[in-house]
Amino acid sequence: MSAPVSSIPNLGPASEAAFARAGITTAEQLRELGADAAYRRLLDSGTRPHFIGYYVLVMGLQGRPWNDCKGNEKKALRKRFDALCAGFNRSDAKLRADVEQMLSFLGVVERG
């Protein structure tokens, strides 16, 4: 018998419903996909990107409390998250990139 997504630490009914909308209905599927691929499926299914949700997932798949992510590890996860979300129109990373591109176009910042 398969374990529900909510059997993974830090993930409750709301996470389980979001993953189900993304076609991930078991903890085994989620573990097999891994945090990045599973989160990408969430984004593809319409979930709005949110850094806390991402690192809660990463910590849960490692069997760690959600608030165990700190310091350099959290900074590294933020970079992974930004790269993962960069192509999604509603992501903070995409919005930052768009603003930087417009400022560069206007000559407000140096072109990169």
N, C-alpha and C. Protein backbone atom coordinates (compact mmCIF):
# COMPACT_ATOMS: atom_id res chain seq x y z
N MET A 1 0.84 -1.19 0.00
CA MET A 1 0.00 0.00 0.00
C MET A 1 0.89 1.25 0.00
N SER A 2 0.50 2.22 -0.75
CA SER A 2 1.26 3.45 -0.89
C SER A 2 0.99 4.39 0.27
N ALA A 3 2.04 5.12 0.67
CA ALA A 3 1.89 6.12 1.73
C ALA A 3 1.45 7.44 1.12
N PRO A 4 0.61 8.18 1.82
CA PRO A 4 0.17 9.48 1.30
C PRO A 4 1.31 10.50 1.34
N VAL A 5 1.21 11.51 0.52
CA VAL A 5 2.20 12.60 0.50
C VAL A 5 2.34 13.20 1.90
N SER A 6 1.23 13.30 2.62
CA SER A 6 1.25 13.90 3.95
C SER A 6 2.00 13.07 4.99
N SER A 7 2.44 11.87 4.60
CA SER A 7 3.26 11.08 5.54
C SER A 7 4.71 11.58 5.58
N ILE A 8 5.08 12.43 4.64
CA ILE A 8 6.41 13.04 4.63
C ILE A 8 6.40 14.18 5.63
N PRO A 9 7.42 14.26 6.49
CA PRO A 9 7.45 15.35 7.48
C PRO A 9 7.26 16.71 6.82
N ASN A 10 6.56 17.58 7.51
CA ASN A 10 6.31 18.97 7.11
C ASN A 10 5.21 19.14 6.08
N LEU A 11 4.73 18.07 5.48
CA LEU A 11 3.71 18.18 4.43
C LEU A 11 2.36 17.73 4.98
N GLY A 12 1.39 18.61 4.88
CA GLY A 12 0.05 18.32 5.39
C GLY A 12 -0.97 18.23 4.28
N PRO A 13 -2.24 18.37 4.64
CA PRO A 13 -3.33 18.23 3.66
C PRO A 13 -3.25 19.22 2.49
N ALA A 14 -2.86 20.46 2.74
CA ALA A 14 -2.78 21.43 1.65
C ALA A 14 -1.69 21.04 0.65
N SER A 15 -0.56 20.59 1.16
CA SER A 15 0.52 20.13 0.28
C SER A 15 0.08 18.90 -0.50
N GLU A 16 -0.59 18.00 0.19
CA GLU A 16 -1.07 16.79 -0.45
C GLU A 16 -2.02 17.13 -1.61
N ALA A 17 -2.91 18.08 -1.40
CA ALA A 17 -3.85 18.49 -2.45
C ALA A 17 -3.11 19.14 -3.62
N ALA A 18 -2.12 19.98 -3.32
CA ALA A 18 -1.36 20.64 -4.38
C ALA A 18 -0.59 19.61 -5.20
N PHE A 19 0.03 18.66 -4.54
CA PHE A 19 0.76 17.63 -5.27
C PHE A 19 -0.18 16.75 -6.08
N ALA A 20 -1.36 16.48 -5.56
CA ALA A 20 -2.34 15.69 -6.32
C ALA A 20 -2.72 16.42 -7.61
N ARG A 21 -2.89 17.74 -7.54
CA ARG A 21 -3.19 18.52 -8.76
C ARG A 21 -2.04 18.41 -9.77
N ALA A 22 -0.84 18.17 -9.25
CA ALA A 22 0.33 18.03 -10.12
C ALA A 22 0.56 16.58 -10.55
N GLY A 23 -0.35 15.68 -10.14
CA GLY A 23 -0.25 14.27 -10.53
C GLY A 23 0.64 13.44 -9.63
N ILE A 24 1.00 13.97 -8.48
CA ILE A 24 1.83 13.24 -7.51
C ILE A 24 0.94 12.89 -6.34
N THR A 25 0.62 11.60 -6.22
CA THR A 25 -0.37 11.20 -5.22
C THR A 25 0.17 10.35 -4.09
N THR A 26 1.45 9.98 -4.17
CA THR A 26 2.01 9.14 -3.11
C THR A 26 3.36 9.69 -2.66
N ALA A 27 3.72 9.37 -1.43
CA ALA A 27 5.03 9.75 -0.90
C ALA A 27 6.14 9.10 -1.72
N GLU A 28 5.90 7.89 -2.20
CA GLU A 28 6.91 7.20 -3.00
C GLU A 28 7.19 7.95 -4.30
N GLN A 29 6.13 8.41 -4.96
CA GLN A 29 6.32 9.20 -6.19
C GLN A 29 7.13 10.46 -5.91
N LEU A 30 6.80 11.11 -4.82
CA LEU A 30 7.47 12.35 -4.45
C LEU A 30 8.95 12.11 -4.17
N ARG A 31 9.24 11.07 -3.41
CA ARG A 31 10.64 10.74 -3.12
C ARG A 31 11.41 10.37 -4.40
N GLU A 32 10.76 9.63 -5.27
CA GLU A 32 11.41 9.21 -6.52
C GLU A 32 11.73 10.42 -7.41
N LEU A 33 10.82 11.37 -7.48
CA LEU A 33 11.05 12.57 -8.28
C LEU A 33 12.13 13.46 -7.68
N GLY A 34 12.14 13.56 -6.37
CA GLY A 34 13.05 14.48 -5.70
C GLY A 34 12.44 15.86 -5.61
N ALA A 35 13.03 16.69 -4.77
CA ALA A 35 12.46 18.00 -4.48
C ALA A 35 12.34 18.89 -5.71
N ASP A 36 13.40 18.99 -6.51
CA ASP A 36 13.38 19.93 -7.63
C ASP A 36 12.37 19.53 -8.71
N ALA A 37 12.38 18.28 -9.11
CA ALA A 37 11.45 17.83 -10.16
C ALA A 37 10.01 17.90 -9.66
N ALA A 38 9.78 17.54 -8.41
CA ALA A 38 8.43 17.60 -7.85
C ALA A 38 7.95 19.04 -7.76
N TYR A 39 8.83 19.93 -7.33
CA TYR A 39 8.43 21.34 -7.22
C TYR A 39 8.14 21.92 -8.61
N ARG A 40 8.93 21.51 -9.58
CA ARG A 40 8.69 21.96 -10.96
C ARG A 40 7.31 21.51 -11.43
N ARG A 41 6.93 20.30 -11.06
CA ARG A 41 5.58 19.82 -11.43
C ARG A 41 4.50 20.64 -10.75
N LEU A 42 4.76 21.05 -9.49
CA LEU A 42 3.81 21.93 -8.81
C LEU A 42 3.65 23.23 -9.60
N LEU A 43 4.76 23.81 -10.01
CA LEU A 43 4.72 25.06 -10.77
C LEU A 43 3.98 24.86 -12.09
N ASP A 44 4.27 23.76 -12.76
CA ASP A 44 3.60 23.46 -14.03
C ASP A 44 2.09 23.32 -13.86
N SER A 45 1.67 22.89 -12.67
CA SER A 45 0.23 22.69 -12.44
C SER A 45 -0.47 23.96 -11.96
N GLY A 46 0.28 25.06 -11.82
CA GLY A 46 -0.34 26.33 -11.47
C GLY A 46 -0.07 26.83 -10.07
N THR A 47 0.67 26.09 -9.28
CA THR A 47 1.01 26.56 -7.94
C THR A 47 1.93 27.77 -8.06
N ARG A 48 1.65 28.80 -7.28
CA ARG A 48 2.48 30.01 -7.31
C ARG A 48 3.78 29.71 -6.56
N PRO A 49 4.91 30.09 -7.14
CA PRO A 49 6.20 29.83 -6.49
C PRO A 49 6.30 30.52 -5.13
N HIS A 50 6.83 29.80 -4.15
CA HIS A 50 7.04 30.36 -2.82
C HIS A 50 8.22 29.66 -2.20
N PHE A 51 9.23 30.42 -1.84
CA PHE A 51 10.48 29.84 -1.34
C PHE A 51 10.27 28.97 -0.10
N ILE A 52 9.46 29.41 0.83
CA ILE A 52 9.26 28.62 2.05
C ILE A 52 8.68 27.26 1.71
N GLY A 53 7.72 27.22 0.80
CA GLY A 53 7.15 25.94 0.40
C GLY A 53 8.20 25.01 -0.19
N TYR A 54 9.12 25.59 -0.95
CA TYR A 54 10.19 24.80 -1.55
C TYR A 54 11.13 24.23 -0.49
N TYR A 55 11.61 25.08 0.42
CA TYR A 55 12.57 24.52 1.38
C TYR A 55 11.90 23.63 2.42
N VAL A 56 10.61 23.83 2.68
CA VAL A 56 9.87 22.90 3.54
C VAL A 56 9.86 21.51 2.89
N LEU A 57 9.66 21.48 1.59
CA LEU A 57 9.68 20.22 0.85
C LEU A 57 11.06 19.57 0.93
N VAL A 58 12.11 20.34 0.67
CA VAL A 58 13.47 19.81 0.72
C VAL A 58 13.77 19.23 2.11
N MET A 59 13.44 19.98 3.14
CA MET A 59 13.70 19.52 4.51
C MET A 59 12.88 18.26 4.80
N GLY A 60 11.63 18.25 4.40
CA GLY A 60 10.77 17.08 4.65
C GLY A 60 11.30 15.83 3.98
N LEU A 61 11.78 15.95 2.74
CA LEU A 61 12.32 14.78 2.04
C LEU A 61 13.61 14.28 2.70
N GLN A 62 14.27 15.16 3.44
CA GLN A 62 15.46 14.76 4.20
C GLN A 62 15.11 14.29 5.60
N GLY A 63 13.82 14.33 5.96
CA GLY A 63 13.39 13.92 7.28
C GLY A 63 13.73 14.93 8.36
N ARG A 64 13.89 16.19 7.96
CA ARG A 64 14.28 17.25 8.90
C ARG A 64 13.11 18.19 9.16
N PRO A 65 13.11 18.86 10.32
CA PRO A 65 12.07 19.87 10.58
C PRO A 65 12.14 20.99 9.56
N TRP A 66 11.01 21.60 9.25
CA TRP A 66 10.96 22.64 8.22
C TRP A 66 11.86 23.82 8.53
N ASN A 67 12.04 24.14 9.82
CA ASN A 67 12.81 25.31 10.20
C ASN A 67 14.29 25.00 10.47
N ASP A 68 14.73 23.85 10.01
CA ASP A 68 16.11 23.42 10.22
C ASP A 68 17.06 24.01 9.18
N CYS A 69 16.53 24.67 8.19
CA CYS A 69 17.32 25.22 7.09
C CYS A 69 17.77 26.63 7.46
N LYS A 70 19.10 26.81 7.56
CA LYS A 70 19.63 28.10 7.98
C LYS A 70 20.94 28.41 7.27
N GLY A 71 21.37 29.64 7.37
CA GLY A 71 22.69 30.05 6.92
C GLY A 71 22.99 29.76 5.46
N ASN A 72 24.20 29.23 5.24
CA ASN A 72 24.65 28.95 3.87
C ASN A 72 23.79 27.93 3.15
N GLU A 73 23.27 26.97 3.90
CA GLU A 73 22.40 25.97 3.28
C GLU A 73 21.14 26.65 2.73
N LYS A 74 20.58 27.57 3.50
CA LYS A 74 19.38 28.28 3.06
C LYS A 74 19.70 29.16 1.85
N LYS A 75 20.85 29.81 1.86
CA LYS A 75 21.26 30.63 0.71
C LYS A 75 21.42 29.78 -0.55
N ALA A 76 22.00 28.60 -0.40
CA ALA A 76 22.16 27.69 -1.55
C ALA A 76 20.81 27.22 -2.06
N LEU A 77 19.89 26.92 -1.14
CA LEU A 77 18.55 26.51 -1.56
C LEU A 77 17.83 27.66 -2.26
N ARG A 78 18.08 28.89 -1.82
CA ARG A 78 17.45 30.05 -2.48
C ARG A 78 17.92 30.16 -3.93
N LYS A 79 19.19 29.89 -4.17
CA LYS A 79 19.72 29.93 -5.54
C LYS A 79 19.07 28.84 -6.39
N ARG A 80 18.95 27.63 -5.81
CA ARG A 80 18.29 26.54 -6.54
C ARG A 80 16.85 26.91 -6.86
N PHE A 81 16.15 27.47 -5.87
CA PHE A 81 14.75 27.87 -6.03
C PHE A 81 14.62 28.92 -7.14
N ASP A 82 15.47 29.94 -7.09
CA ASP A 82 15.40 31.00 -8.11
C ASP A 82 15.64 30.44 -9.50
N ALA A 83 16.60 29.53 -9.63
CA ALA A 83 16.87 28.92 -10.93
C ALA A 83 15.68 28.07 -11.39
N LEU A 84 15.09 27.36 -10.47
CA LEU A 84 13.95 26.50 -10.77
C LEU A 84 12.74 27.31 -11.21
N CYS A 85 12.55 28.48 -10.62
CA CYS A 85 11.36 29.29 -10.89
C CYS A 85 11.57 30.35 -11.96
N ALA A 86 12.77 30.53 -12.44
CA ALA A 86 13.09 31.66 -13.31
C ALA A 86 12.20 31.77 -14.54
N GLY A 87 11.72 30.69 -15.08
CA GLY A 87 10.91 30.74 -16.28
C GLY A 87 9.43 30.93 -16.05
N PHE A 88 9.00 31.00 -14.81
CA PHE A 88 7.58 31.10 -14.53
C PHE A 88 7.16 32.54 -14.34
N ASN A 89 6.15 32.96 -15.07
CA ASN A 89 5.73 34.36 -15.10
C ASN A 89 5.40 34.93 -13.73
N ARG A 90 4.88 34.14 -12.83
CA ARG A 90 4.46 34.67 -11.54
C ARG A 90 5.53 34.52 -10.47
N SER A 91 6.75 34.13 -10.84
CA SER A 91 7.79 33.93 -9.83
C SER A 91 8.51 35.23 -9.53
N ASP A 92 8.97 35.35 -8.29
CA ASP A 92 9.76 36.52 -7.88
C ASP A 92 11.03 36.61 -8.70
N ALA A 93 11.67 35.48 -8.98
CA ALA A 93 12.90 35.49 -9.77
C ALA A 93 12.64 36.03 -11.16
N LYS A 94 11.54 35.64 -11.78
CA LYS A 94 11.19 36.12 -13.11
C LYS A 94 10.89 37.62 -13.06
N LEU A 95 10.17 38.06 -12.05
CA LEU A 95 9.86 39.48 -11.92
C LEU A 95 11.13 40.30 -11.75
N ARG A 96 12.06 39.81 -10.91
CA ARG A 96 13.34 40.52 -10.72
C ARG A 96 14.10 40.61 -12.03
N ALA A 97 14.16 39.50 -12.76
CA ALA A 97 14.88 39.48 -14.04
C ALA A 97 14.24 40.45 -15.03
N ASP A 98 12.91 40.51 -15.06
CA ASP A 98 12.22 41.43 -15.96
C ASP A 98 12.51 42.88 -15.59
N VAL A 99 12.49 43.20 -14.30
CA VAL A 99 12.78 44.56 -13.86
C VAL A 99 14.21 44.94 -14.22
N GLU A 100 15.16 44.03 -13.96
CA GLU A 100 16.55 44.30 -14.28
C GLU A 100 16.74 44.51 -15.79
N GLN A 101 16.05 43.72 -16.58
CA GLN A 101 16.14 43.86 -18.03
C GLN A 101 15.59 45.22 -18.47
N MET A 102 14.47 45.63 -17.90
CA MET A 102 13.88 46.92 -18.26
C MET A 102 14.78 48.07 -17.81
N LEU A 103 15.33 48.00 -16.61
CA LEU A 103 16.23 49.05 -16.13
C LEU A 103 17.47 49.14 -17.02
N SER A 104 17.96 48.00 -17.46
CA SER A 104 19.11 47.98 -18.36
C SER A 104 18.73 48.63 -19.70
N PHE A 105 17.57 48.29 -20.21
CA PHE A 105 17.10 48.86 -21.47
C PHE A 105 16.99 50.39 -21.39
N LEU A 106 16.51 50.86 -20.24
CA LEU A 106 16.34 52.29 -20.04
C LEU A 106 17.65 53.01 -19.73
N GLY A 107 18.72 52.23 -19.51
CA GLY A 107 20.01 52.83 -19.20
C GLY A 107 20.19 53.18 -17.74
N VAL A 108 19.29 52.69 -16.89
CA VAL A 108 19.37 52.98 -15.45
C VAL A 108 20.46 52.13 -14.80
N VAL A 109 20.64 50.94 -15.29
CA VAL A 109 21.71 50.06 -14.79
C VAL A 109 22.54 49.60 -15.98
N GLU A 110 23.76 49.21 -15.69
CA GLU A 110 24.66 48.75 -16.76
C GLU A 110 24.15 47.45 -17.37
N ARG A 111 24.22 47.36 -18.67
CA ARG A 111 23.78 46.15 -19.36
C ARG A 111 24.73 45.00 -19.05
N GLY A 112 24.13 43.81 -18.79
CA GLY A 112 24.94 42.65 -18.42
C GLY A 112 25.22 41.71 -19.50
